[in-house]
Amino acid sequence: MIELLILTILLDNKSSIYGIKQKIENKFSAFFKISFGSIYPALKKLEKNKYVTVKTQLSPGGQKKSTYSITNEGKEYFQVLMLEVLPENPALASQLINIKLIALPKIEVTLQQQATNTIIEHLEHNKANIEILLNNPENNKDKFQKKFLEYNLIKTLEDIKWISSLTS
């Protein structure tokens, strides 16, 4: 997930680790909080895999400044991440959906359709699971739980409808 965030930022411009953090906060802060402690290892992993390059220079004050750039391999890896199946964990999947939807314009139109289809398939699976829970008589005993499941079913249906409209 952090790799996808970093690559999304670097697609626009090369940046320092501070710039990457700032841009992630500007674009994604409503959905995701990030620290230097999580950005740095992800950048090192991306660099090791040749998805980003780093150029280190000395500033006029004598401090080292590292600037990261995405490579062609990194651009390809970004597309792979955008098309990757979402995890089963609902909280993690929800965060990734938000990130992918924000990053969607950074891939070509045919890949946008594939990416949204992957998201919709995931949401359809969630919808089916919610319907199973709603049809379980045990869950109807607790009024709050039933209302909560109904709310999530409505929300999931609206998400599917809205995401479907993005590429139609």
Protein backbone atom coordinates (compact mmCIF):
# COMPACT_ATOMS: atom_id res chain seq x y z
CA MET A 1 0.00 0.00 0.00
CA ILE A 2 2.78 2.44 0.91
CA GLU A 3 4.61 1.53 -2.28
CA LEU A 4 1.51 2.43 -4.30
CA LEU A 5 1.28 5.78 -2.51
CA ILE A 6 4.94 6.57 -3.17
CA LEU A 7 4.82 5.57 -6.83
CA THR A 8 1.64 7.61 -7.32
CA ILE A 9 3.47 10.69 -6.04
CA LEU A 10 6.65 10.03 -8.04
CA LEU A 11 4.68 9.66 -11.28
CA ASP A 12 4.13 13.43 -11.12
CA ASN A 13 7.66 14.52 -10.24
CA LYS A 14 10.86 13.46 -8.54
CA SER A 15 10.84 14.30 -4.87
CA SER A 16 12.70 14.12 -1.57
CA ILE A 17 11.37 11.95 1.24
CA TYR A 18 9.97 15.10 2.85
CA GLY A 19 8.25 16.07 -0.38
CA ILE A 20 6.81 12.57 -0.75
CA LYS A 21 5.40 12.69 2.78
CA GLN A 22 3.93 16.16 2.23
CA LYS A 23 2.33 15.19 -1.10
CA ILE A 24 0.87 11.99 0.39
CA GLU A 25 -0.62 14.06 3.21
CA ASN A 26 -2.04 16.56 0.71
CA LYS A 27 -3.61 13.90 -1.53
CA PHE A 28 -4.50 11.05 0.79
CA SER A 29 -4.74 12.36 4.37
CA ALA A 30 -8.51 11.81 4.52
CA PHE A 31 -7.88 8.09 4.05
CA PHE A 32 -4.35 7.35 5.14
CA LYS A 33 -1.78 8.61 7.64
CA ILE A 34 1.89 7.99 7.01
CA SER A 35 5.18 8.54 8.83
CA PHE A 36 8.80 8.83 7.74
CA GLY A 37 9.32 5.54 9.58
CA SER A 38 7.11 3.77 7.04
CA ILE A 39 8.10 5.77 3.95
CA TYR A 40 11.85 5.22 4.29
CA PRO A 41 11.83 1.38 4.30
CA ALA A 42 9.33 1.35 1.43
CA LEU A 43 11.57 3.68 -0.59
CA LYS A 44 14.58 1.46 0.12
CA LYS A 45 12.62 -1.60 -1.05
CA LEU A 46 11.50 0.23 -4.20
CA GLU A 47 15.09 1.30 -4.84
CA LYS A 48 16.43 -2.23 -4.29
CA ASN A 49 13.90 -3.55 -6.82
CA LYS A 50 14.89 -0.80 -9.28
CA TYR A 51 11.44 0.82 -9.24
CA VAL A 52 12.92 4.12 -8.09
CA THR A 53 16.33 5.71 -8.30
CA VAL A 54 17.88 8.05 -5.78
CA LYS A 55 20.20 10.95 -6.46
CA THR A 56 22.03 12.38 -3.47
CA GLN A 57 23.49 15.88 -3.55
CA LEU A 58 24.97 18.25 -1.03
CA SER A 59 22.93 21.36 -0.36
CA PRO A 60 24.67 24.77 -0.15
CA GLY A 61 24.62 24.31 3.63
CA GLY A 62 26.51 21.01 3.32
CA GLN A 63 23.57 18.72 4.08
CA LYS A 64 22.82 15.65 2.00
CA LYS A 65 19.57 15.78 0.06
CA SER A 66 18.23 12.66 -1.63
CA THR A 67 15.81 12.98 -4.52
CA TYR A 68 13.79 9.97 -5.66
CA SER A 69 12.56 9.33 -9.21
CA ILE A 70 10.39 6.59 -10.64
CA THR A 71 11.97 4.30 -13.27
CA ASN A 72 10.28 2.68 -16.26
CA GLU A 73 10.18 -0.54 -14.22
CA GLY A 74 8.53 1.46 -11.44
CA LYS A 75 5.87 2.72 -13.84
CA GLU A 76 5.15 -0.87 -14.86
CA TYR A 77 5.05 -1.97 -11.22
CA PHE A 78 2.63 0.88 -10.46
CA GLN A 79 0.26 -0.54 -13.08
CA VAL A 80 0.61 -4.02 -11.58
CA LEU A 81 -0.28 -2.64 -8.14
CA MET A 82 -3.26 -0.78 -9.58
CA LEU A 83 -4.64 -4.00 -11.10
CA GLU A 84 -3.81 -6.25 -8.15
CA VAL A 85 -6.66 -8.11 -6.47
CA LEU A 86 -7.69 -6.48 -3.21
CA PRO A 87 -6.96 -8.24 0.09
CA GLU A 88 -9.69 -10.04 2.03
CA ASN A 89 -9.16 -7.78 5.05
CA PRO A 90 -12.00 -5.22 4.70
CA ALA A 91 -10.18 -2.35 6.42
CA LEU A 92 -7.05 -2.77 4.30
CA ALA A 93 -9.12 -3.24 1.14
CA SER A 94 -11.07 -0.06 1.88
CA GLN A 95 -7.86 1.96 2.19
CA LEU A 96 -6.50 0.48 -1.03
CA ILE A 97 -9.74 1.22 -2.87
CA ASN A 98 -9.48 4.87 -1.88
CA ILE A 99 -5.83 5.05 -2.94
CA LYS A 100 -6.52 3.31 -6.26
CA LEU A 101 -9.45 5.58 -7.03
CA ILE A 102 -7.36 8.69 -6.41
CA ALA A 103 -4.53 7.26 -8.54
CA LEU A 104 -6.86 6.01 -11.30
CA PRO A 105 -6.22 8.91 -13.73
CA LYS A 106 -2.52 7.99 -13.78
CA ILE A 107 -3.14 4.84 -15.84
CA GLU A 108 -4.45 4.54 -19.38
CA VAL A 109 -8.19 4.22 -19.99
CA THR A 110 -8.19 0.48 -20.75
CA LEU A 111 -6.33 -0.20 -17.51
CA GLN A 112 -8.70 2.13 -15.63
CA GLN A 113 -11.55 -0.18 -16.66
CA GLN A 114 -9.63 -3.23 -15.44
CA ALA A 115 -8.78 -1.53 -12.14
CA THR A 116 -12.39 -0.50 -11.51
CA ASN A 117 -13.59 -4.00 -12.44
CA THR A 118 -11.26 -5.46 -9.82
CA ILE A 119 -12.65 -3.05 -7.22
CA ILE A 120 -16.25 -3.80 -8.24
CA GLU A 121 -15.63 -7.56 -8.05
CA HIS A 122 -14.32 -7.09 -4.53
CA LEU A 123 -17.35 -5.00 -3.55
CA GLU A 124 -19.74 -7.54 -5.12
CA HIS A 125 -18.10 -10.22 -2.98
CA ASN A 126 -18.56 -8.02 0.11
CA LYS A 127 -22.19 -7.43 -0.87
CA ALA A 128 -22.80 -11.18 -1.08
CA ASN A 129 -21.21 -11.69 2.36
CA ILE A 130 -23.37 -8.95 3.88
CA GLU A 131 -26.50 -10.50 2.34
CA ILE A 132 -25.58 -13.88 3.83
CA LEU A 133 -25.21 -12.26 7.24
CA LEU A 134 -28.54 -10.44 6.84
CA ASN A 135 -30.29 -13.69 5.95
CA ASN A 136 -28.92 -15.43 9.02
CA PRO A 137 -31.75 -15.49 11.61
CA GLU A 138 -29.19 -15.16 14.42
CA ASN A 139 -28.24 -11.70 13.16
CA ASN A 140 -31.85 -10.54 13.10
CA LYS A 141 -32.17 -10.93 16.86
CA ASP A 142 -30.03 -7.88 17.47
CA LYS A 143 -31.79 -4.83 15.99
CA PHE A 144 -28.61 -2.73 15.95
CA GLN A 145 -26.57 -5.40 14.16
CA LYS A 146 -29.31 -5.82 11.56
CA LYS A 147 -29.46 -2.04 10.96
CA PHE A 148 -25.66 -1.93 10.73
CA LEU A 149 -25.64 -4.71 8.12
CA GLU A 150 -28.42 -2.96 6.17
CA TYR A 151 -26.44 0.28 6.25
CA ASN A 152 -23.32 -1.47 4.93
CA LEU A 153 -25.33 -3.18 2.21
CA ILE A 154 -26.73 0.18 1.04
CA LYS A 155 -23.26 1.76 1.21
CA THR A 156 -21.72 -1.10 -0.78
CA LEU A 157 -24.44 -0.90 -3.43
CA GLU A 158 -23.89 2.86 -3.75
CA ASP A 159 -20.11 2.34 -3.99
CA ILE A 160 -20.60 -0.20 -6.78
CA LYS A 161 -22.94 2.17 -8.63
CA TRP A 162 -20.61 5.16 -8.27
CA ILE A 163 -17.43 3.28 -9.22
CA SER A 164 -19.20 1.74 -12.23
CA SER A 165 -20.01 5.25 -13.44
CA LEU A 166 -16.35 6.29 -13.46
CA THR A 167 -15.42 4.49 -16.65
CA SER A 168 -18.76 4.31 -18.44
